[in-house]
Amino acid sequence: MSIRILLADDHDIVLEGIRTLVSRSGRPWEICGEARNGEEAAEMIRRLKPDVAVLDITMPKLSGLEAAKKVTRGGTDTKILMFTMHESGRLEAEARDSGAQGYVLKAQAARDLIRAIEYLLDGHTFFGSPPVTETPRESKKPGILMRQAFAFAYSFA
């Protein structure tokens, strides 16, 4: 069974862009619905029960944050990913408070959207970047710890 994704944004061009990213990703994912406002998004999440919902924060009727609160407080298995062009110091806290499992900045969508959806599907979070617990690729190379230890020791010589 394929992964079902609900999209919510009040701009058709953004919805088209997300559809394109999802279709080009090669993943067996389907867009099961599209909402144009937060109220419609909350109703569609309850009715369609998607695996992931990608919600714009700034939408008519209810914001994406308010829609996320509404469905997560009511209990849902849907993973919520906020999608926004507004970067702020409070964004992560606001997304977490809404019950969302992450956010992606629209400016970083080409790089991060598919990866963020995968993280959420794997049970992780994605608040603008992969979780801190992810091991950087460089440290997975054999011998890196030994080289780092020698560099550290050499700095005191």
Protein backbone atom coordinates (compact mmCIF):
# COMPACT_ATOMS: atom_id res chain seq x y z
CA MET A 1 0.00 0.00 0.00
CA SER A 2 1.40 3.39 -0.93
CA ILE A 3 2.01 6.27 1.46
CA ARG A 4 -0.81 8.83 1.35
CA ILE A 5 0.00 12.54 1.60
CA LEU A 6 -2.39 15.45 2.07
CA LEU A 7 -1.31 18.91 0.92
CA ALA A 8 -2.67 22.21 2.24
CA ASP A 9 -1.75 25.61 0.84
CA ASP A 10 -3.80 28.53 -0.42
CA HIS A 11 -1.58 29.03 -3.49
CA ASP A 12 -2.05 26.73 -6.50
CA ILE A 13 1.53 27.23 -7.67
CA VAL A 14 2.84 25.91 -4.33
CA LEU A 15 0.56 22.87 -4.48
CA GLU A 16 1.77 22.19 -8.02
CA GLY A 17 5.38 22.49 -6.89
CA ILE A 18 4.89 20.01 -4.05
CA ARG A 19 3.08 17.57 -6.37
CA THR A 20 6.04 17.81 -8.77
CA LEU A 21 8.60 17.17 -6.02
CA VAL A 22 6.64 14.15 -4.76
CA SER A 23 6.13 12.67 -8.24
CA ARG A 24 9.79 13.16 -9.22
CA SER A 25 11.02 11.61 -5.98
CA GLY A 26 10.35 8.10 -7.26
CA ARG A 27 8.73 7.10 -3.97
CA PRO A 28 5.49 5.09 -4.04
CA TRP A 29 3.58 8.00 -2.55
CA GLU A 30 0.21 9.38 -3.60
CA ILE A 31 -1.35 12.77 -3.03
CA CYS A 32 -4.70 11.81 -1.50
CA GLY A 33 -6.10 15.33 -1.19
CA GLU A 34 -5.47 19.04 -1.41
CA ALA A 35 -6.90 21.69 0.89
CA ARG A 36 -6.94 25.45 0.26
CA ASN A 37 -7.41 26.57 3.88
CA GLY A 38 -6.77 25.34 7.41
CA GLU A 39 -10.38 24.44 8.15
CA GLU A 40 -10.59 22.27 5.04
CA ALA A 41 -7.21 20.70 5.90
CA ALA A 42 -8.34 19.69 9.40
CA GLU A 43 -11.54 18.16 8.03
CA MET A 44 -9.67 16.28 5.27
CA ILE A 45 -7.10 14.90 7.73
CA ARG A 46 -9.91 13.51 9.90
CA ARG A 47 -11.80 12.09 6.91
CA LEU A 48 -8.96 10.81 4.67
CA LYS A 49 -6.51 9.77 7.41
CA PRO A 50 -3.34 10.41 5.37
CA ASP A 51 0.04 9.17 6.55
CA VAL A 52 1.49 12.69 6.27
CA ALA A 53 -0.07 16.14 5.97
CA VAL A 54 2.02 19.04 4.63
CA LEU A 55 0.40 22.24 5.92
CA ASP A 56 1.23 25.82 4.99
CA ILE A 57 1.30 27.93 8.14
CA THR A 58 -0.37 31.02 6.68
CA MET A 59 -3.78 30.02 5.30
CA PRO A 60 -7.30 31.47 5.43
CA LYS A 61 -9.95 30.41 7.98
CA LEU A 62 -7.47 28.53 10.21
CA SER A 63 -3.69 28.78 10.08
CA GLY A 64 -1.76 25.58 9.52
CA LEU A 65 -0.69 25.74 13.17
CA GLU A 66 -4.32 25.99 14.32
CA ALA A 67 -5.35 23.16 12.00
CA ALA A 68 -2.52 20.99 13.34
CA LYS A 69 -3.61 21.70 16.95
CA LYS A 70 -7.19 20.84 16.08
CA VAL A 71 -6.37 17.43 14.61
CA THR A 72 -3.59 16.44 17.00
CA ARG A 73 -5.65 17.33 20.07
CA GLY A 74 -8.45 15.17 18.66
CA GLY A 75 -6.02 12.28 18.20
CA THR A 76 -4.56 11.30 14.85
CA ASP A 77 -1.89 9.02 13.47
CA THR A 78 -1.18 11.50 10.67
CA LYS A 79 2.31 13.00 10.80
CA ILE A 80 2.11 16.79 10.45
CA LEU A 81 4.80 18.72 8.56
CA MET A 82 4.50 22.51 8.56
CA PHE A 83 5.55 24.27 5.35
CA THR A 84 6.35 27.97 5.51
CA MET A 85 8.22 30.86 3.99
CA HIS A 86 8.41 32.65 7.36
CA GLU A 87 11.57 31.82 9.27
CA SER A 88 11.63 32.98 12.87
CA GLY A 89 13.25 32.11 16.17
CA ARG A 90 9.88 30.91 17.47
CA LEU A 91 9.03 28.67 14.51
CA GLU A 92 10.22 25.40 16.03
CA ALA A 93 8.45 26.06 19.35
CA GLU A 94 5.22 27.05 17.58
CA ALA A 95 5.35 23.97 15.33
CA ARG A 96 6.01 21.67 18.31
CA ASP A 97 3.23 23.33 20.34
CA SER A 98 0.80 22.68 17.49
CA GLY A 99 1.57 18.97 17.60
CA ALA A 100 3.52 18.98 14.32
CA GLN A 101 6.49 16.66 13.95
CA GLY A 102 8.47 19.13 11.86
CA TYR A 103 8.68 22.02 9.46
CA VAL A 104 10.35 22.82 6.15
CA LEU A 105 11.05 26.30 4.84
CA LYS A 106 9.63 26.84 1.35
CA ALA A 107 12.99 28.25 0.27
CA GLN A 108 14.54 24.85 1.11
CA ALA A 109 11.77 22.67 -0.31
CA ALA A 110 13.78 21.24 -3.22
CA ARG A 111 16.47 20.09 -0.79
CA ASP A 112 14.44 19.19 2.30
CA LEU A 113 10.78 18.36 1.62
CA ILE A 114 11.13 14.73 0.50
CA ARG A 115 13.80 14.07 3.12
CA ALA A 116 11.58 15.59 5.84
CA ILE A 117 8.61 13.42 4.81
CA GLU A 118 10.85 10.34 4.97
CA TYR A 119 12.07 11.32 8.44
CA LEU A 120 8.49 11.70 9.69
CA LEU A 121 7.46 8.37 8.15
CA ASP A 122 10.42 6.73 9.93
CA GLY A 123 9.20 8.10 13.27
CA HIS A 124 11.65 11.00 13.53
CA THR A 125 11.18 14.76 13.54
CA PHE A 126 12.45 17.37 11.09
CA PHE A 127 12.47 20.91 12.44
CA GLY A 128 14.19 22.71 9.59
CA SER A 129 16.96 20.11 9.47
CA PRO A 130 17.53 16.46 10.39
CA PRO A 131 17.49 15.63 14.10
CA VAL A 132 20.72 16.39 15.97
CA THR A 133 21.06 12.70 16.78
CA GLU A 134 21.85 11.96 13.13
CA THR A 135 25.51 11.05 12.77
CA PRO A 136 27.29 13.24 10.25
CA ARG A 137 28.39 11.23 7.21
CA GLU A 138 32.05 12.11 7.75
CA SER A 139 32.14 10.49 11.18
CA LYS A 140 30.95 7.20 9.66
CA LYS A 141 34.23 6.86 7.74
CA PRO A 142 36.59 4.30 9.24
CA GLY A 143 39.37 5.80 11.26
CA ILE A 144 37.86 9.25 11.68
CA LEU A 145 37.92 9.00 15.46
CA MET A 146 41.60 8.10 15.42
CA ARG A 147 42.41 11.06 13.12
CA GLN A 148 40.39 13.38 15.35
CA ALA A 149 42.16 12.07 18.45
CA PHE A 150 45.59 12.64 16.86
CA ALA A 151 44.57 16.14 15.75
CA PHE A 152 43.34 16.92 19.24
CA ALA A 153 46.51 15.56 20.88
CA TYR A 154 48.72 17.38 18.37
CA SER A 155 47.04 20.71 19.20
CA PHE A 156 48.55 20.48 22.71
CA ALA A 157 52.04 19.57 21.53
